[in-house]
């Protein structure tokens, strides 16, 4: 199963990963370092090209990411799975940030 990369939960996951490693991912070398860190910490391979696509660094534009990739990245931040990560966002009060949008009041309609 694949998930769209433009959802707010993925943006928050990227932020948490950058916070946990202590630097923003801006160069190919940064993604190599993260890939090596994931492999060292979790004993799971995650290619730098997969990470680059998720961060929008790659020239290959993909708009989805696999749940397996998200599960590995969540485990790297200390959360067991993508599902638990999303549940933790709700319990932290991120719901209002995750699901914002424009509203139309019926009274404003002609």
PDB file of N, CA and C in Angstrom:
ATOM      1  N   UNK A   1       0.842  -1.178   0.000  1.00  0.00           N
ATOM      2  CA  UNK A   1       0.000   0.000   0.000  1.00  0.00           C
ATOM      3  C   UNK A   1       0.888   1.242   0.000  1.00  0.00           C
ATOM      4  N   UNK A   2       0.513   2.217  -0.791  1.00  0.00           N
ATOM      5  CA  UNK A   2       1.255   3.463  -0.863  1.00  0.00           C
ATOM      6  C   UNK A   2       0.417   4.615  -0.330  1.00  0.00           C
ATOM      7  N   UNK A   3       1.102   5.618   0.191  1.00  0.00           N
ATOM      8  CA  UNK A   3       0.450   6.775   0.788  1.00  0.00           C
ATOM      9  C   UNK A   3       0.988   8.026   0.106  1.00  0.00           C
ATOM     10  N   UNK A   4       0.113   8.996  -0.131  1.00  0.00           N
ATOM     11  CA  UNK A   4       0.513  10.253  -0.766  1.00  0.00           C
ATOM     12  C   UNK A   4       1.543  10.972   0.121  1.00  0.00           C
ATOM     13  N   UNK A   5       2.561  11.530  -0.516  1.00  0.00           N
ATOM     14  CA  UNK A   5       3.637  12.172   0.250  1.00  0.00           C
ATOM     15  C   UNK A   5       3.320  13.596   0.672  1.00  0.00           C
ATOM     16  N   UNK A   6       2.227  14.143   0.188  1.00  0.00           N
ATOM     17  CA  UNK A   6       1.932  15.542   0.502  1.00  0.00           C
ATOM     18  C   UNK A   6       0.996  15.719   1.697  1.00  0.00           C
ATOM     19  N   UNK A   7       0.795  14.665   2.476  1.00  0.00           N
ATOM     20  CA  UNK A   7      -0.091  14.786   3.636  1.00  0.00           C
ATOM     21  C   UNK A   7       0.692  15.359   4.828  1.00  0.00           C
ATOM     22  N   UNK A   8       0.002  16.067   5.711  1.00  0.00           N
ATOM     23  CA  UNK A   8       0.689  16.708   6.846  1.00  0.00           C
ATOM     24  C   UNK A   8       1.419  15.740   7.769  1.00  0.00           C
ATOM     25  N   UNK A   9       0.914  14.522   7.919  1.00  0.00           N
ATOM     26  CA  UNK A   9       1.569  13.554   8.801  1.00  0.00           C
ATOM     27  C   UNK A   9       2.993  13.255   8.312  1.00  0.00           C
ATOM     28  N   UNK A  10       3.169  13.168   7.010  1.00  0.00           N
ATOM     29  CA  UNK A  10       4.502  12.887   6.473  1.00  0.00           C
ATOM     30  C   UNK A  10       5.418  14.090   6.674  1.00  0.00           C
ATOM     31  N   UNK A  11       4.879  15.284   6.526  1.00  0.00           N
ATOM     32  CA  UNK A  11       5.681  16.482   6.797  1.00  0.00           C
ATOM     33  C   UNK A  11       6.156  16.491   8.247  1.00  0.00           C
ATOM     34  N   UNK A  12       5.284  16.110   9.172  1.00  0.00           N
ATOM     35  CA  UNK A  12       5.661  16.044  10.591  1.00  0.00           C
ATOM     36  C   UNK A  12       6.696  14.951  10.831  1.00  0.00           C
ATOM     37  N   UNK A  13       6.571  13.817  10.150  1.00  0.00           N
ATOM     38  CA  UNK A  13       7.560  12.755  10.285  1.00  0.00           C
ATOM     39  C   UNK A  13       8.924  13.239   9.800  1.00  0.00           C
ATOM     40  N   UNK A  14       8.954  13.938   8.661  1.00  0.00           N
ATOM     41  CA  UNK A  14      10.225  14.485   8.165  1.00  0.00           C
ATOM     42  C   UNK A  14      10.838  15.449   9.179  1.00  0.00           C
ATOM     43  N   UNK A  15      10.011  16.314   9.752  1.00  0.00           N
ATOM     44  CA  UNK A  15      10.501  17.250  10.771  1.00  0.00           C
ATOM     45  C   UNK A  15      11.099  16.510  11.962  1.00  0.00           C
ATOM     46  N   UNK A  16      10.414  15.470  12.416  1.00  0.00           N
ATOM     47  CA  UNK A  16      10.902  14.721  13.591  1.00  0.00           C
ATOM     48  C   UNK A  16      12.204  13.994  13.302  1.00  0.00           C
ATOM     49  N   UNK A  17      12.331  13.493  12.083  1.00  0.00           N
ATOM     50  CA  UNK A  17      13.583  12.820  11.730  1.00  0.00           C
ATOM     51  C   UNK A  17      14.727  13.825  11.719  1.00  0.00           C
ATOM     52  N   UNK A  18      14.517  14.971  11.096  1.00  0.00           N
ATOM     53  CA  UNK A  18      15.563  15.995  11.063  1.00  0.00           C
ATOM     54  C   UNK A  18      15.910  16.469  12.471  1.00  0.00           C
ATOM     55  N   UNK A  19      14.916  16.596  13.324  1.00  0.00           N
ATOM     56  CA  UNK A  19      15.173  16.991  14.708  1.00  0.00           C
ATOM     57  C   UNK A  19      15.982  15.914  15.430  1.00  0.00           C
ATOM     58  N   UNK A  20      15.642  14.647  15.197  1.00  0.00           N
ATOM     59  CA  UNK A  20      16.336  13.565  15.901  1.00  0.00           C
ATOM     60  C   UNK A  20      17.785  13.416  15.441  1.00  0.00           C
ATOM     61  N   UNK A  21      18.064  13.712  14.167  1.00  0.00           N
ATOM     62  CA  UNK A  21      19.445  13.585  13.696  1.00  0.00           C
ATOM     63  C   UNK A  21      20.229  14.876  13.884  1.00  0.00           C
ATOM     64  N   UNK A  22      19.527  15.977  14.118  1.00  0.00           N
ATOM     65  CA  UNK A  22      20.198  17.218  14.451  1.00  0.00           C
ATOM     66  C   UNK A  22      20.627  18.089  13.285  1.00  0.00           C
ATOM     67  N   UNK A  23      20.169  17.776  12.089  1.00  0.00           N
ATOM     68  CA  UNK A  23      20.497  18.618  10.943  1.00  0.00           C
ATOM     69  C   UNK A  23      19.435  18.446   9.861  1.00  0.00           C
ATOM     70  N   UNK A  24      19.230  19.502   9.043  1.00  0.00           N
ATOM     71  CA  UNK A  24      18.267  19.393   7.947  1.00  0.00           C
ATOM     72  C   UNK A  24      18.854  18.581   6.798  1.00  0.00           C
ATOM     73  N   UNK A  25      18.001  17.938   6.055  1.00  0.00           N
ATOM     74  CA  UNK A  25      18.443  17.139   4.911  1.00  0.00           C
ATOM     75  C   UNK A  25      18.366  18.006   3.656  1.00  0.00           C
ATOM     76  N   UNK A  26      19.532  18.498   3.232  1.00  0.00           N
ATOM     77  CA  UNK A  26      19.585  19.432   2.116  1.00  0.00           C
ATOM     78  C   UNK A  26      20.481  18.986   0.969  1.00  0.00           C
ATOM     79  N   UNK A  27      21.352  18.013   1.223  1.00  0.00           N
ATOM     80  CA  UNK A  27      22.299  17.589   0.191  1.00  0.00           C
ATOM     81  C   UNK A  27      22.286  16.068   0.063  1.00  0.00           C
ATOM     82  N   UNK A  28      22.846  15.595  -1.041  1.00  0.00           N
ATOM     83  CA  UNK A  28      22.944  14.142  -1.240  1.00  0.00           C
ATOM     84  C   UNK A  28      23.704  13.496  -0.077  1.00  0.00           C
ATOM     85  N   UNK A  29      24.748  14.159   0.389  1.00  0.00           N
ATOM     86  CA  UNK A  29      25.520  13.629   1.521  1.00  0.00           C
ATOM     87  C   UNK A  29      24.692  13.484   2.780  1.00  0.00           C
ATOM     88  N   UNK A  30      23.766  14.412   3.001  1.00  0.00           N
ATOM     89  CA  UNK A  30      22.882  14.319   4.172  1.00  0.00           C
ATOM     90  C   UNK A  30      22.032  13.057   4.102  1.00  0.00           C
ATOM     91  N   UNK A  31      21.532  12.755   2.902  1.00  0.00           N
ATOM     92  CA  UNK A  31      20.698  11.563   2.739  1.00  0.00           C
ATOM     93  C   UNK A  31      21.527  10.288   2.868  1.00  0.00           C
ATOM     94  N   UNK A  32      22.782  10.333   2.425  1.00  0.00           N
ATOM     95  CA  UNK A  32      23.680   9.191   2.633  1.00  0.00           C
ATOM     96  C   UNK A  32      23.899   8.957   4.123  1.00  0.00           C
ATOM     97  N   UNK A  33      24.099  10.039   4.877  1.00  0.00           N
ATOM     98  CA  UNK A  33      24.302   9.918   6.331  1.00  0.00           C
ATOM     99  C   UNK A  33      23.073   9.333   7.004  1.00  0.00           C
ATOM    100  N   UNK A  34      21.883   9.808   6.613  1.00  0.00           N
ATOM    101  CA  UNK A  34      20.652   9.271   7.205  1.00  0.00           C
ATOM    102  C   UNK A  34      20.480   7.803   6.852  1.00  0.00           C
ATOM    103  N   UNK A  35      20.730   7.451   5.600  1.00  0.00           N
ATOM    104  CA  UNK A  35      20.621   6.059   5.174  1.00  0.00           C
ATOM    105  C   UNK A  35      21.548   5.170   6.005  1.00  0.00           C
ATOM    106  N   UNK A  36      22.781   5.617   6.193  1.00  0.00           N
ATOM    107  CA  UNK A  36      23.744   4.850   7.003  1.00  0.00           C
ATOM    108  C   UNK A  36      23.300   4.779   8.458  1.00  0.00           C
ATOM    109  N   UNK A  37      22.733   5.862   8.971  1.00  0.00           N
ATOM    110  CA  UNK A  37      22.255   5.874  10.353  1.00  0.00           C
ATOM    111  C   UNK A  37      21.106   4.910  10.573  1.00  0.00           C
ATOM    112  N   UNK A  38      20.207   4.850   9.609  1.00  0.00           N
ATOM    113  CA  UNK A  38      19.089   3.903   9.698  1.00  0.00           C
ATOM    114  C   UNK A  38      19.608   2.475   9.671  1.00  0.00           C
ATOM    115  N   UNK A  39      20.532   2.211   8.757  1.00  0.00           N
ATOM    116  CA  UNK A  39      21.087   0.859   8.653  1.00  0.00           C
ATOM    117  C   UNK A  39      21.826   0.467   9.937  1.00  0.00           C
ATOM    118  N   UNK A  40      22.601   1.391  10.488  1.00  0.00           N
ATOM    119  CA  UNK A  40      23.352   1.114  11.707  1.00  0.00           C
ATOM    120  C   UNK A  40      22.422   0.899  12.899  1.00  0.00           C
ATOM    121  N   UNK A  41      21.408   1.752  13.024  1.00  0.00           N
ATOM    122  CA  UNK A  41      20.512   1.705  14.179  1.00  0.00           C
ATOM    123  C   UNK A  41      19.513   0.562  14.120  1.00  0.00           C
ATOM    124  N   UNK A  42      18.889   0.388  12.951  1.00  0.00           N
ATOM    125  CA  UNK A  42      17.789  -0.571  12.836  1.00  0.00           C
ATOM    126  C   UNK A  42      18.159  -1.867  12.132  1.00  0.00           C
ATOM    127  N   UNK A  43      19.330  -1.886  11.497  1.00  0.00           N
ATOM    128  CA  UNK A  43      19.729  -3.035  10.669  1.00  0.00           C
ATOM    129  C   UNK A  43      18.737  -3.259   9.534  1.00  0.00           C
ATOM    130  N   UNK A  44      18.233  -2.142   8.993  1.00  0.00           N
ATOM    131  CA  UNK A  44      17.311  -2.150   7.858  1.00  0.00           C
ATOM    132  C   UNK A  44      17.903  -1.260   6.782  1.00  0.00           C
ATOM    133  N   UNK A  45      17.863  -1.714   5.539  1.00  0.00           N
ATOM    134  CA  UNK A  45      18.382  -0.886   4.454  1.00  0.00           C
ATOM    135  C   UNK A  45      17.303   0.076   3.968  1.00  0.00           C
ATOM    136  N   UNK A  46      17.699   1.332   3.819  1.00  0.00           N
ATOM    137  CA  UNK A  46      16.837   2.363   3.238  1.00  0.00           C
ATOM    138  C   UNK A  46      17.749   3.166   2.318  1.00  0.00           C
ATOM    139  N   UNK A  47      17.497   3.099   1.026  1.00  0.00           N
ATOM    140  CA  UNK A  47      18.392   3.770   0.085  1.00  0.00           C
ATOM    141  C   UNK A  47      18.266   5.282   0.190  1.00  0.00           C
ATOM    142  N   UNK A  48      19.365   5.956  -0.092  1.00  0.00           N
ATOM    143  CA  UNK A  48      19.339   7.410  -0.066  1.00  0.00           C
ATOM    144  C   UNK A  48      18.408   7.965  -1.134  1.00  0.00           C
ATOM    145  N   UNK A  49      18.232   7.247  -2.243  1.00  0.00           N
ATOM    146  CA  UNK A  49      17.324   7.738  -3.286  1.00  0.00           C
ATOM    147  C   UNK A  49      15.869   7.691  -2.822  1.00  0.00           C
ATOM    148  N   UNK A  50      15.507   6.697  -2.034  1.00  0.00           N
ATOM    149  CA  UNK A  50      14.157   6.640  -1.462  1.00  0.00           C
ATOM    150  C   UNK A  50      13.940   7.825  -0.529  1.00  0.00           C
ATOM    151  N   UNK A  51      14.928   8.103   0.298  1.00  0.00           N
ATOM    152  CA  UNK A  51      14.831   9.229   1.223  1.00  0.00           C
ATOM    153  C   UNK A  51      14.762  10.554   0.462  1.00  0.00           C
ATOM    154  N   UNK A  52      15.570  10.678  -0.564  1.00  0.00           N
ATOM    155  CA  UNK A  52      15.570  11.906  -1.368  1.00  0.00           C
ATOM    156  C   UNK A  52      14.208  12.143  -2.017  1.00  0.00           C
ATOM    157  N   UNK A  53      13.585  11.073  -2.503  1.00  0.00           N
ATOM    158  CA  UNK A  53      12.258  11.225  -3.108  1.00  0.00           C
ATOM    159  C   UNK A  53      11.239  11.675  -2.069  1.00  0.00           C
ATOM    160  N   UNK A  54      11.320  11.120  -0.871  1.00  0.00           N
ATOM    161  CA  UNK A  54      10.368  11.467   0.184  1.00  0.00           C
ATOM    162  C   UNK A  54      10.514  12.920   0.621  1.00  0.00           C
ATOM    163  N   UNK A  55      11.743  13.427   0.602  1.00  0.00           N
ATOM    164  CA  UNK A  55      11.992  14.815   1.004  1.00  0.00           C
ATOM    165  C   UNK A  55      11.826  15.791  -0.169  1.00  0.00           C
ATOM    166  N   UNK A  56      11.570  15.270  -1.364  1.00  0.00           N
ATOM    167  CA  UNK A  56      11.416  16.143  -2.522  1.00  0.00           C
ATOM    168  C   UNK A  56      12.741  16.636  -3.079  1.00  0.00           C
ATOM    169  N   UNK A  57      13.838  16.007  -2.696  1.00  0.00           N
ATOM    170  CA  UNK A  57      15.164  16.406  -3.164  1.00  0.00           C
ATOM    171  C   UNK A  57      15.476  15.812  -4.531  1.00  0.00           C
ATOM    172  N   UNK A  58      14.926  14.658  -4.804  1.00  0.00           N
ATOM    173  CA  UNK A  58      15.200  13.934  -6.041  1.00  0.00           C
ATOM    174  C   UNK A  58      14.535  14.603  -7.235  1.00  0.00           C
ATOM    175  N   UNK A  59      15.185  14.494  -8.379  1.00  0.00           N
ATOM    176  CA  UNK A  59      14.570  14.989  -9.611  1.00  0.00           C
ATOM    177  C   UNK A  59      13.486  14.038 -10.093  1.00  0.00           C
ATOM    178  N   UNK A  60      13.518  12.807  -9.616  1.00  0.00           N
ATOM    179  CA  UNK A  60      12.443  11.855  -9.904  1.00  0.00           C
ATOM    180  C   UNK A  60      11.303  12.161  -8.950  1.00  0.00           C
ATOM    181  N   UNK A  61      10.263  12.672  -9.464  1.00  0.00           N
ATOM    182  CA  UNK A  61       9.139  13.072  -8.617  1.00  0.00           C
ATOM    183  C   UNK A  61       8.167  11.913  -8.432  1.00  0.00           C
ATOM    184  N   UNK A  62       8.106  11.431  -7.228  1.00  0.00           N
ATOM    185  CA  UNK A  62       7.128  10.413  -6.866  1.00  0.00           C
ATOM    186  C   UNK A  62       6.176  11.062  -5.876  1.00  0.00           C
ATOM    187  N   UNK A  63       4.899  10.770  -6.005  1.00  0.00           N
ATOM    188  CA  UNK A  63       3.943  11.387  -5.093  1.00  0.00           C
ATOM    189  C   UNK A  63       3.382  10.411  -4.076  1.00  0.00           C
ATOM    190  N   UNK A  64       3.965   9.213  -4.011  1.00  0.00           N
ATOM    191  CA  UNK A  64       3.542   8.249  -2.994  1.00  0.00           C
ATOM    192  C   UNK A  64       4.777   7.615  -2.355  1.00  0.00           C
ATOM    193  N   UNK A  65       4.555   7.032  -1.196  1.00  0.00           N
ATOM    194  CA  UNK A  65       5.607   6.331  -0.461  1.00  0.00           C
ATOM    195  C   UNK A  65       4.989   5.064   0.126  1.00  0.00           C
ATOM    196  N   UNK A  66       5.791   4.019   0.233  1.00  0.00           N
ATOM    197  CA  UNK A  66       5.267   2.753   0.756  1.00  0.00           C
ATOM    198  C   UNK A  66       5.136   2.800   2.275  1.00  0.00           C
ATOM    199  N   UNK A  67       4.212   2.029   2.779  1.00  0.00           N
ATOM    200  CA  UNK A  67       4.030   1.924   4.227  1.00  0.00           C
ATOM    201  C   UNK A  67       5.276   1.319   4.858  1.00  0.00           C
ATOM    202  N   UNK A  68       5.949   0.412   4.160  1.00  0.00           N
ATOM    203  CA  UNK A  68       7.190  -0.171   4.682  1.00  0.00           C
ATOM    204  C   UNK A  68       8.216   0.923   4.958  1.00  0.00           C
ATOM    205  N   UNK A  69       8.380   1.849   4.010  1.00  0.00           N
ATOM    206  CA  UNK A  69       9.321   2.954   4.201  1.00  0.00           C
ATOM    207  C   UNK A  69       8.915   3.790   5.401  1.00  0.00           C
ATOM    208  N   UNK A  70       7.637   4.099   5.519  1.00  0.00           N
ATOM    209  CA  UNK A  70       7.155   4.900   6.646  1.00  0.00           C
ATOM    210  C   UNK A  70       7.331   4.164   7.966  1.00  0.00           C
ATOM    211  N   UNK A  71       7.102   2.858   7.969  1.00  0.00           N
ATOM    212  CA  UNK A  71       7.311   2.070   9.191  1.00  0.00           C
ATOM    213  C   UNK A  71       8.763   2.137   9.647  1.00  0.00           C
ATOM    214  N   UNK A  72       9.698   1.999   8.707  1.00  0.00           N
ATOM    215  CA  UNK A  72      11.128   2.053   9.050  1.00  0.00           C
ATOM    216  C   UNK A  72      11.472   3.436   9.602  1.00  0.00           C
ATOM    217  N   UNK A  73      11.016   4.480   8.944  1.00  0.00           N
ATOM    218  CA  UNK A  73      11.316   5.833   9.408  1.00  0.00           C
ATOM    219  C   UNK A  73      10.701   6.105  10.782  1.00  0.00           C
ATOM    220  N   UNK A  74       9.507   5.595  11.019  1.00  0.00           N
ATOM    221  CA  UNK A  74       8.893   5.759  12.339  1.00  0.00           C
ATOM    222  C   UNK A  74       9.704   5.030  13.402  1.00  0.00           C
ATOM    223  N   UNK A  75      10.140   3.812  13.102  1.00  0.00           N
ATOM    224  CA  UNK A  75      10.969   3.076  14.064  1.00  0.00           C
ATOM    225  C   UNK A  75      12.262   3.836  14.354  1.00  0.00           C
ATOM    226  N   UNK A  76      12.799   4.515  13.354  1.00  0.00           N
ATOM    227  CA  UNK A  76      14.007   5.311  13.553  1.00  0.00           C
ATOM    228  C   UNK A  76      13.764   6.444  14.554  1.00  0.00           C
ATOM    229  N   UNK A  77      12.536   6.957  14.615  1.00  0.00           N
ATOM    230  CA  UNK A  77      12.209   8.015  15.579  1.00  0.00           C
ATOM    231  C   UNK A  77      11.764   7.447  16.922  1.00  0.00           C
ATOM    232  N   UNK A  78      11.690   6.118  17.025  1.00  0.00           N
ATOM    233  CA  UNK A  78      11.330   5.494  18.292  1.00  0.00           C
ATOM    234  C   UNK A  78       9.876   5.085  18.410  1.00  0.00           C
ATOM    235  N   UNK A  79       9.141   5.200  17.331  1.00  0.00           N
ATOM    236  CA  UNK A  79       7.734   4.785  17.338  1.00  0.00           C
ATOM    237  C   UNK A  79       7.616   3.526  16.502  1.00  0.00           C
ATOM    238  N   UNK A  80       6.844   2.568  16.977  1.00  0.00           N
ATOM    239  CA  UNK A  80       6.814   1.228  16.387  1.00  0.00           C
ATOM    240  C   UNK A  80       6.376   1.177  14.923  1.00  0.00           C
ATOM    241  N   UNK A  81       5.403   1.992  14.527  1.00  0.00           N
ATOM    242  CA  UNK A  81       4.870   1.875  13.170  1.00  0.00           C
ATOM    243  C   UNK A  81       4.262   3.193  12.712  1.00  0.00           C
ATOM    244  N   UNK A  82       3.987   3.275  11.416  1.00  0.00           N
ATOM    245  CA  UNK A  82       3.318   4.436  10.833  1.00  0.00           C
ATOM    246  C   UNK A  82       1.954   4.638  11.482  1.00  0.00           C
ATOM    247  N   UNK A  83       1.225   3.560  11.690  1.00  0.00           N
ATOM    248  CA  UNK A  83      -0.093   3.657  12.312  1.00  0.00           C
ATOM    249  C   UNK A  83       0.015   4.253  13.713  1.00  0.00           C
ATOM    250  N   UNK A  84       0.979   3.780  14.497  1.00  0.00           N
ATOM    251  CA  UNK A  84       1.153   4.327  15.845  1.00  0.00           C
ATOM    252  C   UNK A  84       1.611   5.782  15.807  1.00  0.00           C
ATOM    253  N   UNK A  85       2.425   6.137  14.815  1.00  0.00           N
ATOM    254  CA  UNK A  85       2.863   7.521  14.666  1.00  0.00           C
ATOM    255  C   UNK A  85       1.647   8.427  14.451  1.00  0.00           C
ATOM    256  N   UNK A  86       0.759   8.036  13.550  1.00  0.00           N
ATOM    257  CA  UNK A  86      -0.450   8.829  13.277  1.00  0.00           C
ATOM    258  C   UNK A  86      -1.337   8.914  14.512  1.00  0.00           C
ATOM    259  N   UNK A  87      -1.458   7.811  15.249  1.00  0.00           N
ATOM    260  CA  UNK A  87      -2.240   7.820  16.487  1.00  0.00           C
ATOM    261  C   UNK A  87      -1.610   8.754  17.513  1.00  0.00           C
ATOM    262  N   UNK A  88      -0.287   8.761  17.585  1.00  0.00           N
ATOM    263  CA  UNK A  88       0.390   9.628  18.555  1.00  0.00           C
ATOM    264  C   UNK A  88       0.192  11.099  18.194  1.00  0.00           C
ATOM    265  N   UNK A  89       0.122  11.413  16.909  1.00  0.00           N
ATOM    266  CA  UNK A  89      -0.133  12.800  16.508  1.00  0.00           C
ATOM    267  C   UNK A  89      -1.502  13.255  16.995  1.00  0.00           C
ATOM    268  N   UNK A  90      -2.479  12.381  16.878  1.00  0.00           N
ATOM    269  CA  UNK A  90      -3.826  12.721  17.359  1.00  0.00           C
ATOM    270  C   UNK A  90      -3.826  12.947  18.863  1.00  0.00           C
ATOM    271  N   UNK A  91      -3.128  12.084  19.606  1.00  0.00           N
ATOM    272  CA  UNK A  91      -3.111  12.214  21.059  1.00  0.00           C
ATOM    273  C   UNK A  91      -2.314  13.432  21.510  1.00  0.00           C
ATOM    274  N   UNK A  92      -1.404  13.924  20.662  1.00  0.00           N
ATOM    275  CA  UNK A  92      -0.635  15.127  20.982  1.00  0.00           C
ATOM    276  C   UNK A  92      -1.383  16.403  20.606  1.00  0.00           C
ATOM    277  N   UNK A  93      -2.573  16.255  20.031  1.00  0.00           N
ATOM    278  CA  UNK A  93      -3.373  17.413  19.681  1.00  0.00           C
ATOM    279  C   UNK A  93      -3.071  17.985  18.312  1.00  0.00           C
ATOM    280  N   UNK A  94      -2.475  17.202  17.436  1.00  0.00           N
ATOM    281  CA  UNK A  94      -2.160  17.680  16.092  1.00  0.00           C
ATOM    282  C   UNK A  94      -3.336  17.573  15.134  1.00  0.00           C
ATOM    283  N   UNK A  95      -4.446  17.043  15.607  1.00  0.00           N
ATOM    284  CA  UNK A  95      -5.593  16.865  14.711  1.00  0.00           C
ATOM    285  C   UNK A  95      -5.990  18.155  14.022  1.00  0.00           C
ATOM    286  N   UNK A  96      -6.044  19.226  14.779  1.00  0.00           N
ATOM    287  CA  UNK A  96      -6.481  20.476  14.172  1.00  0.00           C
ATOM    288  C   UNK A  96      -5.488  20.954  13.119  1.00  0.00           C
ATOM    289  N   UNK A  97      -4.203  20.674  13.310  1.00  0.00           N
ATOM    290  CA  UNK A  97      -3.203  21.051  12.323  1.00  0.00           C
ATOM    291  C   UNK A  97      -3.257  20.142  11.102  1.00  0.00           C
ATOM    292  N   UNK A  98      -3.617  18.892  11.306  1.00  0.00           N
ATOM    293  CA  UNK A  98      -3.583  17.929  10.219  1.00  0.00           C
ATOM    294  C   UNK A  98      -4.752  18.072   9.271  1.00  0.00           C
ATOM    295  N   UNK A  99      -5.854  18.532   9.775  1.00  0.00           N
ATOM    296  CA  UNK A  99      -7.058  18.553   8.959  1.00  0.00           C
ATOM    297  C   UNK A  99      -7.658  19.947   8.891  1.00  0.00           C
ATOM    298  N   UNK A 100      -6.849  20.901   8.484  1.00  0.00           N
ATOM    299  CA  UNK A 100      -7.365  22.250   8.349  1.00  0.00           C
ATOM    300  C   UNK A 100      -7.801  22.479   6.921  1.00  0.00           C
ATOM    301  N   UNK A 101      -8.695  23.391   6.753  1.00  0.00           N
ATOM    302  CA  UNK A 101      -9.157  23.715   5.415  1.00  0.00           C
ATOM    303  C   UNK A 101     -10.096  24.901   5.465  1.00  0.00           C
ATOM    304  N   UNK A 102     -10.538  25.311   4.318  1.00  0.00           N
ATOM    305  CA  UNK A 102     -11.466  26.427   4.242  1.00  0.00           C
ATOM    306  C   UNK A 102     -12.860  25.964   4.612  1.00  0.00           C
ATOM    307  N   UNK A 103     -13.622  26.881   5.162  1.00  0.00           N
ATOM    308  CA  UNK A 103     -15.005  26.569   5.497  1.00  0.00           C
ATOM    309  C   UNK A 103     -15.922  27.571   4.811  1.00  0.00           C
ATOM    310  N   UNK A 104     -17.107  27.127   4.568  1.00  0.00           N
ATOM    311  CA  UNK A 104     -18.144  27.984   3.998  1.00  0.00           C
ATOM    312  C   UNK A 104     -19.326  27.928   4.937  1.00  0.00           C
ATOM    313  N   UNK A 105     -19.767  29.073   5.377  1.00  0.00           N
ATOM    314  CA  UNK A 105     -20.945  29.140   6.230  1.00  0.00           C
ATOM    315  C   UNK A 105     -22.190  29.242   5.355  1.00  0.00           C
ATOM    316  N   UNK A 106     -23.202  28.495   5.708  1.00  0.00           N
ATOM    317  CA  UNK A 106     -24.456  28.520   4.942  1.00  0.00           C
ATOM    318  C   UNK A 106     -25.044  29.931   4.910  1.00  0.00           C
ATOM    319  N   UNK A 107     -24.862  30.697   5.979  1.00  0.00           N
ATOM    320  CA  UNK A 107     -25.417  32.051   6.040  1.00  0.00           C
ATOM    321  C   UNK A 107     -24.766  32.984   5.012  1.00  0.00           C
ATOM    322  N   UNK A 108     -23.554  32.637   4.568  1.00  0.00           N
ATOM    323  CA  UNK A 108     -22.845  33.470   3.584  1.00  0.00           C
ATOM    324  C   UNK A 108     -23.269  33.180   2.154  1.00  0.00           C
ATOM    325  N   UNK A 109     -24.031  32.116   1.948  1.00  0.00           N
ATOM    326  CA  UNK A 109     -24.447  31.756   0.597  1.00  0.00           C
ATOM    327  C   UNK A 109     -25.631  32.608   0.153  1.00  0.00           C
ATOM    328  N   UNK A 110     -25.633  32.950  -1.115  1.00  0.00           N
ATOM    329  CA  UNK A 110     -26.733  33.771  -1.639  1.00  0.00           C
ATOM    330  C   UNK A 110     -27.961  32.912  -1.913  1.00  0.00           C
TER     331      UNK A 110
END
